[in-house]
Amino acid sequence: MLWHSNPAAKAWRTTAAPAEVLAFHQALDGYRPTPLIAVPVLAAELGVGRVLVKDESQRLGLPAFKALGAWWAIHRALQDHPKTTELVTATDGNHGRAVARMAATLGLRAHVFVPAVISERAVGAIRSEGAAVTTIQGSYDAAVVAAAAAAATGDNLLIQDSAWPGYEAIPQYIVDGYSTLFREIDTEPDLVVLPMGVGSIAQAAVTHYRSGVAAPRLLGVEPTSAACVTASLQAGKPITVSTGRTVMAGLNCGTPSSLAWPVLRAGLDAAVTVEDSEALQAVEDLGAVGISSGASGAATLAGLRAARDRLPLTSSSTVILISTEAAS
């Protein structure tokens, strides 16, 4: 287990995402806030007052939260690039499917690049939305490079949550889109536990909770085998790590987003890594209480368990786990 903590994080402040993001989502067909589910058995296990799971297993007709960011980003980016005919992205699964769904809705083509480690089931789900899929014999990072190259020609537009110098406007739109998830939460927690990946959803959480009065602790979780954010926090600078296979496919990322990095460095209280076996146990335990969660979403429960003894939680504490996807 890797661990990093920042005692100064709670005092850091930033500016909230634009208010019109929530209004955009509320106007979409099929929008409804996802549930915040109390799980007393987990609260008893962990010795806290309440454990609440933000269940993103059904969001805007898709089995993950990703449409919140992708659809807002597409909406905003097409205002800047109205001649676009094809949307291009790289994905470990759910983001690419969300991009493909909106492309089809708008009558645009979609081209999705995926790493070779992605499951055939995930590829099939993306193709079911009408997208062309190209498999890259390499990591998620390699798929991002390939997608960026493909988007550099014609009237193509890259819709990517990973940011790097020179490509930050659209990733920021994606992060802004995720703000709706946190604006739906009407409980003031003591701790919020987040999956990380390239860091975009964690960036959205830090932005939300460090722009208001309440300042809960924020814990980020990622696989030990793809710990790009935790390793970067430990090093004090963004670094790239090697990745392989993990059941937490949506978190199998080797390089932090350049947008997420400074926000997480300043405003994330702690980061922890978990093993595949711990994530799979969390999938099973959430399933036992009626919550469908894939390994990337259930990683937050695994991370809370791994970090429990290092966190200043009491028998009256409220903990929110962000479960980002349904079980596949």
Protein backbone atom coordinates (compact mmCIF):
# COMPACT_ATOMS: atom_id res chain seq x y z
CA MET A 1 0.00 0.00 0.00
CA LEU A 2 1.21 3.49 -0.92
CA TRP A 3 0.05 6.37 1.25
CA HIS A 4 0.35 10.15 1.04
CA SER A 5 -1.21 12.86 3.21
CA ASN A 6 -1.31 16.64 3.11
CA PRO A 7 -2.29 18.27 6.44
CA ALA A 8 -2.67 21.68 4.78
CA ALA A 9 -5.26 20.56 2.20
CA LYS A 10 -8.39 21.51 4.17
CA ALA A 11 -7.31 25.16 4.26
CA TRP A 12 -6.78 25.48 0.49
CA ARG A 13 -9.47 27.32 -1.48
CA THR A 14 -10.40 27.66 -5.14
CA THR A 15 -13.31 28.74 -7.39
CA ALA A 16 -16.39 26.60 -8.07
CA ALA A 17 -17.35 25.20 -11.47
CA PRO A 18 -19.80 27.30 -13.54
CA ALA A 19 -23.39 27.20 -12.26
CA GLU A 20 -24.80 26.60 -15.75
CA VAL A 21 -23.39 23.05 -15.78
CA LEU A 22 -26.10 21.78 -13.45
CA ALA A 23 -28.81 23.55 -15.45
CA PHE A 24 -27.53 21.90 -18.63
CA HIS A 25 -27.75 18.44 -17.09
CA GLN A 26 -31.16 19.09 -15.54
CA ALA A 27 -32.51 19.95 -19.00
CA LEU A 28 -31.41 16.61 -20.51
CA ASP A 29 -33.97 13.88 -21.16
CA GLY A 30 -33.60 11.23 -18.50
CA TYR A 31 -31.77 13.39 -15.98
CA ARG A 32 -32.33 12.63 -12.33
CA PRO A 33 -29.97 12.82 -9.35
CA THR A 34 -28.35 9.49 -8.59
CA PRO A 35 -29.09 8.04 -5.14
CA LEU A 36 -27.04 8.46 -1.99
CA ILE A 37 -27.51 5.13 -0.21
CA ALA A 38 -26.90 4.55 3.49
CA VAL A 39 -25.10 1.29 4.31
CA PRO A 40 -25.32 0.71 8.07
CA VAL A 41 -23.38 -2.56 7.96
CA LEU A 42 -20.33 -0.73 6.57
CA ALA A 43 -20.69 2.06 9.11
CA ALA A 44 -20.63 -0.55 11.89
CA GLU A 45 -17.63 -2.34 10.37
CA LEU A 46 -15.65 0.91 10.07
CA GLY A 47 -16.71 2.44 13.38
CA VAL A 48 -18.31 5.58 11.94
CA GLY A 49 -21.74 7.15 12.17
CA ARG A 50 -22.79 6.77 8.54
CA VAL A 51 -21.42 5.38 5.30
CA LEU A 52 -23.27 6.74 2.26
CA VAL A 53 -22.63 5.47 -1.28
CA LYS A 54 -23.20 7.82 -4.23
CA ASP A 55 -24.42 5.21 -6.69
CA GLU A 56 -23.52 6.10 -10.30
CA SER A 57 -24.55 2.71 -11.74
CA GLN A 58 -27.31 4.39 -13.79
CA ARG A 59 -26.60 7.86 -15.10
CA LEU A 60 -28.40 9.35 -18.12
CA GLY A 61 -29.06 5.90 -19.57
CA LEU A 62 -25.48 4.68 -19.18
CA PRO A 63 -23.85 2.54 -16.47
CA ALA A 64 -21.38 5.15 -15.19
CA PHE A 65 -20.94 8.81 -14.30
CA LYS A 66 -18.88 9.66 -17.38
CA ALA A 67 -21.72 11.23 -19.41
CA LEU A 68 -21.78 14.15 -16.96
CA GLY A 69 -18.34 15.27 -18.07
CA ALA A 70 -18.31 14.11 -21.67
CA TRP A 71 -21.69 15.57 -22.62
CA TRP A 72 -21.07 18.98 -21.07
CA ALA A 73 -17.63 19.08 -22.73
CA ILE A 74 -19.08 18.18 -26.12
CA HIS A 75 -21.80 20.81 -25.72
CA ARG A 76 -19.24 23.51 -24.91
CA ALA A 77 -16.56 22.38 -27.34
CA LEU A 78 -18.93 22.35 -30.32
CA GLN A 79 -19.66 26.00 -29.64
CA ASP A 80 -15.95 26.63 -30.15
CA HIS A 81 -15.62 24.17 -33.07
CA PRO A 82 -18.96 24.21 -34.95
CA LYS A 83 -17.60 22.52 -38.10
CA THR A 84 -16.74 19.29 -36.27
CA THR A 85 -17.85 16.10 -38.02
CA GLU A 86 -16.17 13.46 -35.83
CA LEU A 87 -15.51 13.14 -32.11
CA VAL A 88 -12.32 11.29 -31.15
CA THR A 89 -11.28 9.97 -27.76
CA ALA A 90 -9.27 7.36 -25.89
CA THR A 91 -10.85 5.32 -23.13
CA ASP A 92 -10.68 2.43 -20.72
CA GLY A 93 -14.40 1.95 -21.35
CA ASN A 94 -17.11 4.21 -19.96
CA HIS A 95 -15.82 7.58 -21.16
CA GLY A 96 -15.58 6.35 -24.75
CA ARG A 97 -19.09 4.95 -24.64
CA ALA A 98 -20.44 8.27 -23.34
CA VAL A 99 -18.68 10.19 -26.12
CA ALA A 100 -20.01 7.74 -28.72
CA ARG A 101 -23.58 8.02 -27.38
CA MET A 102 -23.59 11.81 -27.70
CA ALA A 103 -21.93 11.70 -31.12
CA ALA A 104 -24.76 9.47 -32.38
CA THR A 105 -27.36 11.75 -30.82
CA LEU A 106 -25.87 14.74 -32.65
CA GLY A 107 -25.41 12.94 -35.97
CA LEU A 108 -21.60 12.99 -35.71
CA ARG A 109 -19.11 10.17 -36.23
CA ALA A 110 -17.15 8.81 -33.27
CA HIS A 111 -13.72 7.18 -33.27
CA VAL A 112 -12.62 5.62 -30.00
CA PHE A 113 -9.10 4.37 -29.24
CA VAL A 114 -8.68 1.71 -26.57
CA PRO A 115 -5.69 -0.03 -24.98
CA ALA A 116 -5.23 -3.73 -25.65
CA VAL A 117 -5.98 -4.57 -22.00
CA ILE A 118 -9.61 -3.42 -22.29
CA SER A 119 -12.20 -6.19 -22.16
CA GLU A 120 -14.09 -7.36 -25.24
CA ARG A 121 -17.30 -6.61 -23.39
CA ALA A 122 -16.29 -2.96 -22.98
CA VAL A 123 -15.29 -2.74 -26.65
CA GLY A 124 -18.63 -4.23 -27.67
CA ALA A 125 -20.49 -1.65 -25.57
CA ILE A 126 -18.66 1.18 -27.32
CA ARG A 127 -19.34 -0.30 -30.77
CA SER A 128 -23.01 -0.67 -29.85
CA GLU A 129 -23.19 3.13 -29.79
CA GLY A 130 -22.10 3.28 -33.43
CA ALA A 131 -18.46 4.22 -32.86
CA ALA A 132 -15.42 3.01 -34.78
CA VAL A 133 -12.98 1.41 -32.34
CA THR A 134 -9.20 1.13 -32.79
CA THR A 135 -7.22 -1.06 -30.40
CA ILE A 136 -3.71 0.12 -29.50
CA GLN A 137 -1.11 -2.46 -28.52
CA GLY A 138 -0.04 -0.56 -25.45
CA SER A 139 -1.28 1.27 -22.39
CA TYR A 140 -4.08 3.77 -21.87
CA ASP A 141 -1.47 6.50 -22.22
CA ALA A 142 -0.53 5.13 -25.64
CA ALA A 143 -4.19 5.15 -26.66
CA VAL A 144 -4.43 8.82 -25.68
CA VAL A 145 -1.42 9.64 -27.87
CA ALA A 146 -3.01 7.80 -30.81
CA ALA A 147 -6.35 9.55 -30.33
CA ALA A 148 -4.69 12.96 -30.20
CA ALA A 149 -2.85 12.23 -33.45
CA ALA A 150 -6.06 11.12 -35.17
CA ALA A 151 -7.89 14.23 -34.00
CA ALA A 152 -5.24 16.51 -35.47
CA THR A 153 -6.55 16.05 -39.03
CA GLY A 154 -9.76 17.10 -40.75
CA ASP A 155 -12.78 18.32 -38.82
CA ASN A 156 -12.12 15.97 -35.91
CA LEU A 157 -12.37 17.04 -32.27
CA LEU A 158 -10.60 15.33 -29.37
CA ILE A 159 -12.81 14.88 -26.28
CA GLN A 160 -10.32 13.72 -23.65
CA ASP A 161 -10.27 13.99 -19.86
CA SER A 162 -6.48 13.74 -19.75
CA ALA A 163 -4.92 17.19 -20.06
CA TRP A 164 -1.42 18.23 -21.07
CA PRO A 165 0.17 21.60 -21.88
CA GLY A 166 -1.58 22.92 -24.98
CA TYR A 167 -4.66 20.72 -24.50
CA GLU A 168 -6.54 21.85 -21.41
CA ALA A 169 -9.79 23.60 -22.42
CA ILE A 170 -11.81 20.46 -23.17
CA PRO A 171 -10.46 18.47 -20.19
CA GLN A 172 -11.52 21.39 -18.00
CA TYR A 173 -15.02 21.25 -19.49
CA ILE A 174 -15.11 17.55 -18.56
CA VAL A 175 -14.08 18.27 -14.98
CA ASP A 176 -16.69 21.04 -14.79
CA GLY A 177 -19.28 18.53 -15.99
CA TYR A 178 -18.52 16.25 -13.07
CA SER A 179 -19.47 19.04 -10.65
CA THR A 180 -23.13 18.04 -10.98
CA LEU A 181 -22.42 14.79 -9.15
CA PHE A 182 -21.24 16.70 -6.08
CA ARG A 183 -23.87 19.42 -6.30
CA GLU A 184 -26.51 16.70 -5.97
CA ILE A 185 -25.14 15.71 -2.55
CA ASP A 186 -27.10 17.57 0.14
CA THR A 187 -25.26 16.04 3.10
CA GLU A 188 -22.22 17.65 4.74
CA PRO A 189 -19.73 14.76 5.07
CA ASP A 190 -16.62 14.48 7.17
CA LEU A 191 -14.85 12.44 4.49
CA VAL A 192 -15.40 11.87 0.77
CA VAL A 193 -13.59 8.96 -0.90
CA LEU A 194 -12.87 9.21 -4.62
CA PRO A 195 -11.38 7.03 -7.36
CA MET A 196 -8.57 8.81 -9.25
CA GLY A 197 -7.42 7.51 -12.66
CA VAL A 198 -5.84 10.57 -14.34
CA GLY A 199 -7.35 12.62 -11.51
CA SER A 200 -10.29 14.37 -13.19
CA ILE A 201 -13.12 13.20 -10.90
CA ALA A 202 -10.92 13.87 -7.88
CA GLN A 203 -10.14 17.33 -9.28
CA ALA A 204 -13.87 17.99 -9.57
CA ALA A 205 -14.39 16.94 -5.94
CA VAL A 206 -11.55 19.09 -4.64
CA THR A 207 -12.85 22.06 -6.65
CA HIS A 208 -16.35 21.57 -5.28
CA TYR A 209 -15.46 21.08 -1.64
CA ARG A 210 -12.66 23.65 -1.53
CA SER A 211 -14.86 26.40 -3.00
CA GLY A 212 -17.55 26.38 -0.32
CA VAL A 213 -17.91 26.71 3.43
CA ALA A 214 -17.79 22.99 4.24
CA ALA A 215 -14.33 21.45 3.94
CA PRO A 216 -14.49 17.67 4.42
CA ARG A 217 -11.41 15.52 4.13
CA LEU A 218 -10.91 14.08 0.66
CA LEU A 219 -9.27 10.68 0.09
CA GLY A 220 -8.21 9.55 -3.37
CA VAL A 221 -7.87 5.86 -4.26
CA GLU A 222 -6.07 4.13 -7.13
CA PRO A 223 -4.65 0.68 -7.97
CA THR A 224 -1.21 -0.15 -6.63
CA SER A 225 -0.33 -1.19 -10.19
CA ALA A 226 -1.32 2.21 -11.67
CA ALA A 227 -0.61 4.68 -8.90
CA CYS A 228 0.29 7.72 -10.99
CA VAL A 229 -1.29 10.32 -8.70
CA THR A 230 -0.05 8.86 -5.39
CA ALA A 231 3.44 8.38 -6.80
CA SER A 232 3.42 11.95 -8.11
CA LEU A 233 2.28 13.30 -4.74
CA GLN A 234 5.07 11.39 -3.02
CA ALA A 235 7.61 12.69 -5.54
CA GLY A 236 6.33 16.27 -5.34
CA LYS A 237 6.02 16.48 -9.12
CA PRO A 238 3.94 14.77 -11.83
CA ILE A 239 5.48 11.51 -12.98
CA THR A 240 4.49 8.69 -15.30
CA VAL A 241 4.32 5.13 -13.98
CA SER A 242 4.20 1.84 -15.86
CA THR A 243 0.81 0.15 -16.00
CA GLY A 244 -0.27 -3.40 -16.71
CA ARG A 245 -3.53 -5.20 -16.02
CA THR A 246 -5.91 -4.47 -13.18
CA VAL A 247 -9.56 -5.25 -12.52
CA MET A 248 -9.91 -1.49 -11.86
CA ALA A 249 -9.80 -0.83 -15.62
CA GLY A 250 -11.15 2.70 -15.37
CA LEU A 251 -8.26 3.65 -13.07
CA ASN A 252 -5.51 2.00 -15.12
CA CYS A 253 -3.76 5.26 -16.02
CA GLY A 254 -0.05 6.05 -16.01
CA THR A 255 0.08 9.86 -16.10
CA PRO A 256 -1.86 12.46 -14.08
CA SER A 257 -3.78 15.11 -15.97
CA SER A 258 -1.85 18.39 -16.05
CA LEU A 259 -5.01 20.17 -14.91
CA ALA A 260 -5.71 17.79 -12.03
CA TRP A 261 -2.15 17.72 -10.72
CA PRO A 262 -1.89 21.20 -9.09
CA VAL A 263 -5.41 20.94 -7.67
CA LEU A 264 -4.78 17.52 -6.12
CA ARG A 265 -1.36 18.51 -4.82
CA ALA A 266 -2.90 21.48 -3.00
CA GLY A 267 -6.38 20.30 -2.00
CA LEU A 268 -6.42 16.49 -1.64
CA ASP A 269 -6.00 15.41 1.98
CA ALA A 270 -4.75 11.91 1.30
CA ALA A 271 -4.17 9.22 -1.32
CA VAL A 272 -3.98 5.47 -0.92
CA THR A 273 -3.50 2.50 -3.22
CA VAL A 274 -5.34 -0.83 -3.17
CA GLU A 275 -4.84 -4.29 -4.65
CA ASP A 276 -7.17 -6.03 -7.10
CA SER A 277 -8.24 -8.51 -4.43
CA GLU A 278 -9.34 -5.67 -2.15
CA ALA A 279 -11.38 -4.04 -4.91
CA LEU A 280 -13.05 -7.33 -5.81
CA GLN A 281 -13.99 -7.91 -2.18
CA ALA A 282 -15.54 -4.45 -2.12
CA VAL A 283 -17.53 -5.25 -5.29
CA GLU A 284 -18.91 -8.34 -3.53
CA ASP A 285 -19.72 -6.49 -0.31
CA LEU A 286 -21.52 -3.65 -2.09
CA GLY A 287 -23.43 -6.18 -4.17
CA ALA A 288 -24.54 -7.91 -0.97
CA VAL A 289 -26.35 -4.72 0.10
CA GLY A 290 -27.92 -4.16 -3.32
CA ILE A 291 -25.43 -1.71 -4.84
CA SER A 292 -24.12 -2.59 -8.29
CA SER A 293 -20.51 -1.41 -8.50
CA GLY A 294 -17.62 -2.33 -10.74
CA ALA A 295 -14.11 -2.65 -9.39
CA SER A 296 -13.19 0.95 -10.27
CA GLY A 297 -16.20 2.25 -8.34
CA ALA A 298 -15.85 -0.15 -5.44
CA ALA A 299 -12.19 0.87 -5.08
CA THR A 300 -13.41 3.67 -2.82
CA LEU A 301 -14.65 1.15 -0.25
CA ALA A 302 -11.39 -0.77 -0.54
CA GLY A 303 -9.45 2.47 -0.05
CA LEU A 304 -11.47 3.47 2.99
CA ARG A 305 -10.77 0.09 4.55
CA ALA A 306 -7.05 0.33 3.75
CA ALA A 307 -6.74 3.85 5.17
CA ARG A 308 -9.20 3.62 8.09
CA ASP A 309 -6.60 3.53 10.85
CA ARG A 310 -4.84 6.59 9.40
CA LEU A 311 -7.98 8.74 9.21
CA PRO A 312 -9.35 10.88 12.09
CA LEU A 313 -12.85 9.40 11.97
CA THR A 314 -15.14 8.94 14.97
CA SER A 315 -18.37 7.14 15.78
CA SER A 316 -20.29 10.22 14.63
CA SER A 317 -18.47 10.75 11.31
CA THR A 318 -20.28 10.72 7.95
CA VAL A 319 -18.35 9.16 5.05
CA ILE A 320 -19.39 9.33 1.39
CA LEU A 321 -18.05 6.78 -1.09
CA ILE A 322 -18.26 7.69 -4.78
CA SER A 323 -19.10 4.52 -6.71
CA THR A 324 -18.59 5.58 -10.32
CA GLU A 325 -19.88 2.60 -12.31
CA ALA A 326 -22.14 -0.42 -12.36
CA ALA A 327 -20.86 -3.97 -12.12
CA SER A 328 -20.20 -5.36 -15.60
